[in-house]
Amino acid sequence: MNPVNLAQLFILAALWGGSFLFIRVGVADLGVAPLMALRVGIGAAFLLLMLVLRGTVRQALSTMRERAWPLLVVGILNSAAPFCLFAYAELTLSAGVTSVINATTPLWGALVAFFWLDDRLTRMRVAGLAIGFAGVLALVWDQMFAHDASAAASPLATALAALAGLAATLCYGIAASYTKKHLMGVDSLTVAAGTMSAATLVLLPFALVFWPAGAVSLTSWGAVLGLGVACTGVAYMMFFHLIAVAGPARAITVTFVIPIFGILWGALFLAERVSLGMAAACVIVLAGTALATGVVKRLPLTGARRAKA
């Protein structure tokens, strides 16, 4: 990966890490469904505009009609459901903690691919899965019992929020295998625009029903714009560009950088607490993810051991 692509990867991680900050800011005023409906709606409009500018919108719309059902399924599994689950989680958990839980996405992806697509799980990858989920348990433990009792949510609320975050990443894992099985060969920008449009249609009725009765602050509206334009529209464009120029294996390494920015933005802009336990759990989750996804492979034999062989 050349320096330009590496810089783009860090910008992408900063944008997606920022999404947890914007969710934390916006969900209190707008609520779960309205905030996420606005996010996917703005993102869909941005991506459709990109198709228009690229001159492929007619072809894309034709593909969307032909693949309407798979796009709807992926729209629910990859956007509507996980976005709402993360928003629910951030009613209790900090932006930094939620971004660390998001790093378990490849763990679920590996498990789902094993059971659904018969992808092989080596002992190293199984160990990575165990380590990664152990890191999540350590993170939840830190959140439940390491706070000042007067400021912390109840252990039950914290556990439910963490389960919601894990359910969101499970949705991502299922969506990845479903996409591989049913949308292979479809233009990635078309898939992104189609799934975001489908997610918008799914969430719109819930947004109307649960629209907040009180006034929404300018800060929350700013969070909506940040989520929709920067963290969804622009971020998806950058991600697909990285896949095209650097390959999917390298592009997916953004997963390891997102928690760093999620924790950083939360600490800088929301004064969120970052404990040693939280930092250690983050390292454990990322180490497990690296093993489970094959980023870290078995070390080669040393010269001495080769000589013995």
Protein backbone atom coordinates (compact mmCIF):
# COMPACT_ATOMS: atom_id res chain seq x y z
CA MET A 1 0.00 0.00 0.00
CA ASN A 2 1.58 3.27 -1.11
CA PRO A 3 1.68 6.41 1.12
CA VAL A 4 -1.35 7.96 -0.61
CA ASN A 5 -3.49 4.85 -0.05
CA LEU A 6 -2.25 4.62 3.53
CA ALA A 7 -3.26 8.22 4.16
CA GLN A 8 -6.69 7.50 2.65
CA LEU A 9 -7.07 4.49 4.94
CA PHE A 10 -6.37 6.62 8.02
CA ILE A 11 -8.83 9.28 6.81
CA LEU A 12 -11.46 6.57 6.33
CA ALA A 13 -10.79 5.21 9.82
CA ALA A 14 -11.11 8.74 11.22
CA LEU A 15 -14.48 9.16 9.47
CA TRP A 16 -15.86 5.82 10.61
CA GLY A 17 -14.44 6.33 14.09
CA GLY A 18 -16.22 9.69 14.08
CA SER A 19 -19.55 8.01 13.36
CA PHE A 20 -19.66 6.75 16.96
CA LEU A 21 -19.09 10.29 18.19
CA PHE A 22 -21.92 11.65 16.02
CA ILE A 23 -24.28 8.87 17.09
CA ARG A 24 -23.57 9.58 20.74
CA VAL A 25 -24.32 13.27 20.17
CA GLY A 26 -27.43 12.87 18.03
CA VAL A 27 -29.26 9.93 19.57
CA ALA A 28 -30.19 11.72 22.80
CA ASP A 29 -32.27 14.35 20.94
CA LEU A 30 -33.51 12.43 17.92
CA GLY A 31 -33.84 8.88 19.18
CA VAL A 32 -32.67 5.70 17.52
CA ALA A 33 -34.90 5.28 14.44
CA PRO A 34 -35.12 8.96 13.36
CA LEU A 35 -31.35 9.44 13.62
CA MET A 36 -30.55 6.31 11.64
CA ALA A 37 -33.24 6.96 9.03
CA LEU A 38 -31.71 10.38 8.42
CA ARG A 39 -28.24 8.86 8.25
CA VAL A 40 -29.07 6.25 5.63
CA GLY A 41 -31.34 8.66 3.72
CA ILE A 42 -28.60 11.26 3.37
CA GLY A 43 -26.07 8.55 2.56
CA ALA A 44 -28.33 7.07 -0.13
CA ALA A 45 -28.87 10.50 -1.71
CA PHE A 46 -25.12 11.13 -1.77
CA LEU A 47 -24.34 7.74 -3.34
CA LEU A 48 -27.09 8.11 -5.96
CA LEU A 49 -25.64 11.51 -6.83
CA MET A 50 -22.26 9.84 -7.35
CA LEU A 51 -23.89 7.38 -9.76
CA VAL A 52 -25.40 10.32 -11.66
CA LEU A 53 -22.03 12.08 -11.86
CA ARG A 54 -20.40 8.84 -13.00
CA GLY A 55 -23.00 8.48 -15.72
CA THR A 56 -24.13 5.00 -14.69
CA VAL A 57 -27.33 5.78 -12.81
CA ARG A 58 -29.66 4.17 -15.40
CA GLN A 59 -27.68 0.95 -15.41
CA ALA A 60 -27.53 1.03 -11.61
CA LEU A 61 -31.28 1.53 -11.25
CA SER A 62 -31.90 -1.36 -13.63
CA THR A 63 -29.62 -3.57 -11.54
CA MET A 64 -31.38 -2.45 -8.36
CA ARG A 65 -34.75 -3.53 -9.81
CA GLU A 66 -33.34 -6.92 -10.83
CA ARG A 67 -31.65 -7.50 -7.46
CA ALA A 68 -34.26 -5.80 -5.29
CA TRP A 69 -34.64 -8.66 -2.78
CA PRO A 70 -30.91 -9.24 -2.09
CA LEU A 71 -30.37 -5.49 -1.83
CA LEU A 72 -33.22 -5.24 0.67
CA VAL A 73 -31.80 -8.07 2.79
CA VAL A 74 -28.32 -6.53 2.79
CA GLY A 75 -29.81 -3.09 3.43
CA ILE A 76 -31.42 -4.43 6.60
CA LEU A 77 -28.46 -6.54 7.75
CA ASN A 78 -25.67 -4.12 6.83
CA SER A 79 -27.30 -0.75 7.58
CA ALA A 80 -30.78 -0.52 9.10
CA ALA A 81 -30.47 -3.12 11.86
CA PRO A 82 -26.83 -2.63 12.96
CA PHE A 83 -27.03 1.17 12.82
CA CYS A 84 -30.08 1.12 15.11
CA LEU A 85 -28.47 -1.41 17.44
CA PHE A 86 -25.35 0.73 17.77
CA ALA A 87 -27.48 3.82 18.39
CA TYR A 88 -29.33 1.95 21.15
CA ALA A 89 -25.99 0.83 22.61
CA GLU A 90 -24.73 4.42 22.69
CA LEU A 91 -27.63 5.49 24.87
CA THR A 92 -25.56 3.72 27.56
CA LEU A 93 -22.03 3.10 26.29
CA SER A 94 -19.47 5.69 25.27
CA ALA A 95 -18.46 6.29 21.66
CA GLY A 96 -15.02 4.81 22.36
CA VAL A 97 -16.35 1.59 23.88
CA THR A 98 -18.83 1.10 21.05
CA SER A 99 -16.11 1.58 18.45
CA VAL A 100 -14.08 -1.19 20.11
CA ILE A 101 -17.08 -3.54 20.00
CA ASN A 102 -17.40 -2.69 16.30
CA ALA A 103 -13.94 -4.23 15.81
CA THR A 104 -15.48 -7.67 16.43
CA THR A 105 -17.14 -7.53 13.01
CA PRO A 106 -14.44 -9.69 11.34
CA LEU A 107 -14.78 -12.25 14.15
CA TRP A 108 -18.46 -12.76 13.37
CA GLY A 109 -17.64 -12.66 9.66
CA ALA A 110 -15.23 -15.57 10.09
CA LEU A 111 -17.74 -17.59 12.13
CA VAL A 112 -20.63 -16.99 9.73
CA ALA A 113 -18.45 -17.84 6.71
CA PHE A 114 -17.37 -21.06 8.44
CA PHE A 115 -20.93 -22.24 9.07
CA TRP A 116 -22.50 -20.88 5.88
CA LEU A 117 -19.79 -20.85 3.21
CA ASP A 118 -17.61 -23.67 4.58
CA ASP A 119 -14.62 -21.37 4.94
CA ARG A 120 -11.78 -23.12 6.78
CA LEU A 121 -11.00 -22.16 10.37
CA THR A 122 -7.43 -23.01 11.38
CA ARG A 123 -6.40 -23.44 14.99
CA MET A 124 -4.79 -20.00 14.82
CA ARG A 125 -8.06 -18.41 13.67
CA VAL A 126 -10.07 -20.26 16.33
CA ALA A 127 -7.63 -18.95 18.94
CA GLY A 128 -8.13 -15.46 17.52
CA LEU A 129 -11.90 -15.79 17.87
CA ALA A 130 -11.56 -16.84 21.50
CA ILE A 131 -9.11 -14.03 22.27
CA GLY A 132 -11.23 -11.41 20.52
CA PHE A 133 -14.43 -12.25 22.34
CA ALA A 134 -12.53 -12.52 25.63
CA GLY A 135 -11.44 -8.93 24.98
CA VAL A 136 -15.07 -7.89 24.64
CA LEU A 137 -15.90 -9.54 27.96
CA ALA A 138 -13.01 -7.68 29.57
CA LEU A 139 -14.28 -4.43 28.06
CA VAL A 140 -17.82 -4.95 29.35
CA TRP A 141 -16.47 -5.90 32.79
CA ASP A 142 -14.48 -2.66 32.86
CA GLN A 143 -17.57 -0.66 31.93
CA MET A 144 -19.80 -2.34 34.49
CA PHE A 145 -17.57 -2.20 37.53
CA ALA A 146 -14.74 0.29 37.02
CA HIS A 147 -16.83 3.48 36.97
CA ASP A 148 -17.73 5.77 39.77
CA ALA A 149 -21.00 4.18 40.90
CA SER A 150 -22.79 7.54 40.97
CA ALA A 151 -22.11 8.17 37.28
CA ALA A 152 -22.31 4.68 35.80
CA ALA A 153 -25.27 2.95 34.21
CA SER A 154 -26.50 -0.20 35.93
CA PRO A 155 -24.64 -3.42 35.13
CA LEU A 156 -27.76 -4.76 33.41
CA ALA A 157 -28.09 -1.69 31.18
CA THR A 158 -24.40 -1.90 30.31
CA ALA A 159 -24.66 -5.61 29.48
CA LEU A 160 -27.74 -5.07 27.30
CA ALA A 161 -26.00 -2.24 25.45
CA ALA A 162 -22.94 -4.42 24.85
CA LEU A 163 -25.16 -7.25 23.59
CA ALA A 164 -26.82 -4.80 21.21
CA GLY A 165 -23.39 -3.80 19.88
CA LEU A 166 -22.41 -7.45 19.41
CA ALA A 167 -25.73 -8.13 17.67
CA ALA A 168 -24.92 -5.26 15.31
CA THR A 169 -21.54 -6.74 14.40
CA LEU A 170 -23.17 -10.16 13.96
CA CYS A 171 -25.49 -8.52 11.43
CA TYR A 172 -22.43 -7.20 9.60
CA GLY A 173 -20.92 -10.69 9.56
CA ILE A 174 -24.10 -12.24 8.13
CA ALA A 175 -24.40 -9.43 5.57
CA ALA A 176 -20.84 -10.05 4.34
CA SER A 177 -21.51 -13.73 3.61
CA TYR A 178 -24.94 -12.98 2.12
CA THR A 179 -23.39 -10.37 -0.17
CA LYS A 180 -20.69 -12.79 -1.25
CA LYS A 181 -23.33 -15.41 -2.02
CA HIS A 182 -25.99 -13.27 -3.73
CA LEU A 183 -24.42 -10.02 -4.97
CA MET A 184 -21.05 -11.11 -6.33
CA GLY A 185 -20.21 -9.31 -9.57
CA VAL A 186 -22.53 -6.37 -8.92
CA ASP A 187 -20.86 -2.96 -9.03
CA SER A 188 -19.90 -2.00 -5.47
CA LEU A 189 -21.22 1.57 -5.72
CA THR A 190 -24.54 0.22 -7.00
CA VAL A 191 -24.69 -2.19 -4.06
CA ALA A 192 -23.94 0.63 -1.62
CA ALA A 193 -26.54 2.98 -3.10
CA GLY A 194 -29.14 0.22 -3.38
CA THR A 195 -28.70 -1.07 0.15
CA MET A 196 -28.74 2.44 1.62
CA SER A 197 -31.93 3.22 -0.31
CA ALA A 198 -33.51 0.00 0.93
CA ALA A 199 -32.50 0.79 4.50
CA THR A 200 -34.07 4.22 4.17
CA LEU A 201 -37.39 2.71 3.07
CA VAL A 202 -37.29 0.24 5.99
CA LEU A 203 -36.50 2.86 8.64
CA LEU A 204 -38.72 5.68 7.37
CA PRO A 205 -41.99 4.41 8.97
CA PHE A 206 -40.24 3.93 12.33
CA ALA A 207 -38.71 7.39 12.09
CA LEU A 208 -42.12 8.96 11.53
CA VAL A 209 -43.69 7.06 14.42
CA PHE A 210 -40.87 7.84 16.86
CA TRP A 211 -40.04 11.35 15.68
CA PRO A 212 -39.15 13.46 18.76
CA ALA A 213 -41.87 15.70 20.11
CA GLY A 214 -39.44 18.34 21.39
CA ALA A 215 -37.09 20.61 19.49
CA VAL A 216 -33.90 19.12 18.09
CA SER A 217 -30.74 21.08 18.85
CA LEU A 218 -28.42 22.46 16.19
CA THR A 219 -25.69 20.23 17.59
CA SER A 220 -27.80 17.15 16.88
CA TRP A 221 -28.58 18.35 13.36
CA GLY A 222 -24.86 18.81 12.84
CA ALA A 223 -24.32 15.24 14.00
CA VAL A 224 -26.91 14.07 11.47
CA LEU A 225 -25.08 15.82 8.64
CA GLY A 226 -21.76 14.42 9.80
CA LEU A 227 -23.19 10.91 9.91
CA GLY A 228 -24.98 11.08 6.59
CA VAL A 229 -22.47 12.94 4.43
CA ALA A 230 -19.03 12.28 5.93
CA CYS A 231 -19.39 8.96 7.77
CA THR A 232 -21.70 7.30 5.23
CA GLY A 233 -21.56 8.90 1.78
CA VAL A 234 -17.92 10.03 1.65
CA ALA A 235 -16.67 7.08 3.73
CA TYR A 236 -18.32 4.50 1.47
CA MET A 237 -16.83 6.18 -1.60
CA MET A 238 -13.36 6.11 -0.04
CA PHE A 239 -13.76 2.49 1.04
CA PHE A 240 -14.72 1.29 -2.43
CA HIS A 241 -11.88 3.32 -3.93
CA LEU A 242 -9.43 1.61 -1.57
CA ILE A 243 -10.84 -1.80 -2.51
CA ALA A 244 -10.30 -0.95 -6.18
CA VAL A 245 -6.73 0.37 -5.86
CA ALA A 246 -5.35 -1.62 -2.92
CA GLY A 247 -7.52 -4.74 -2.82
CA PRO A 248 -10.14 -5.89 -0.27
CA ALA A 249 -7.65 -7.58 2.07
CA ARG A 250 -5.74 -4.35 2.60
CA ALA A 251 -8.82 -2.15 2.65
CA ILE A 252 -10.38 -4.20 5.45
CA THR A 253 -7.42 -3.39 7.71
CA VAL A 254 -9.27 -0.14 8.41
CA THR A 255 -11.08 -2.23 11.05
CA PHE A 256 -7.97 -2.11 13.23
CA VAL A 257 -7.67 1.67 13.14
CA ILE A 258 -11.32 2.66 13.71
CA PRO A 259 -11.27 2.01 17.51
CA ILE A 260 -8.24 4.27 17.89
CA PHE A 261 -10.14 7.18 16.37
CA GLY A 262 -13.39 6.23 18.12
CA ILE A 263 -11.65 6.41 21.50
CA LEU A 264 -9.72 9.55 20.52
CA TRP A 265 -12.74 11.54 19.30
CA GLY A 266 -14.79 10.51 22.33
CA ALA A 267 -12.04 11.61 24.71
CA LEU A 268 -11.35 14.89 22.88
CA PHE A 269 -14.87 16.09 22.18
CA LEU A 270 -17.01 14.38 24.81
CA ALA A 271 -14.47 14.06 27.62
CA GLU A 272 -15.09 10.32 27.76
CA ARG A 273 -13.16 8.30 30.28
CA VAL A 274 -10.42 6.05 28.92
CA SER A 275 -9.28 3.59 31.57
CA LEU A 276 -6.31 1.23 31.48
CA GLY A 277 -8.77 -1.66 31.47
CA MET A 278 -10.52 -0.25 28.42
CA ALA A 279 -7.23 0.26 26.59
CA ALA A 280 -6.09 -3.28 27.44
CA ALA A 281 -9.42 -4.75 26.27
CA CYS A 282 -9.09 -2.84 23.01
CA VAL A 283 -5.63 -4.35 22.43
CA ILE A 284 -6.97 -7.85 23.19
CA VAL A 285 -9.91 -7.44 20.78
CA LEU A 286 -7.66 -6.18 17.98
CA ALA A 287 -5.10 -8.94 18.57
CA GLY A 288 -7.82 -11.57 18.39
CA THR A 289 -9.26 -9.99 15.26
CA ALA A 290 -5.82 -9.95 13.62
CA LEU A 291 -5.41 -13.68 14.32
CA ALA A 292 -8.96 -14.61 13.30
CA THR A 293 -8.75 -12.77 9.98
CA GLY A 294 -5.30 -14.07 9.09
CA VAL A 295 -3.62 -10.67 9.24
CA VAL A 296 -1.16 -12.21 11.70
CA LYS A 297 -0.09 -15.62 10.50
CA ARG A 298 1.99 -18.34 12.07
CA LEU A 299 5.58 -17.17 12.42
CA PRO A 300 8.04 -18.85 10.03
CA LEU A 301 10.48 -21.40 11.32
CA THR A 302 13.82 -20.07 12.50
CA GLY A 303 16.98 -21.03 10.70
CA ALA A 304 17.91 -23.52 13.42
CA ARG A 305 14.57 -25.27 13.27
CA ARG A 306 14.73 -25.40 9.48
CA ALA A 307 18.17 -27.01 9.76
CA LYS A 308 16.78 -29.69 12.07
CA ALA A 309 13.95 -30.35 9.63
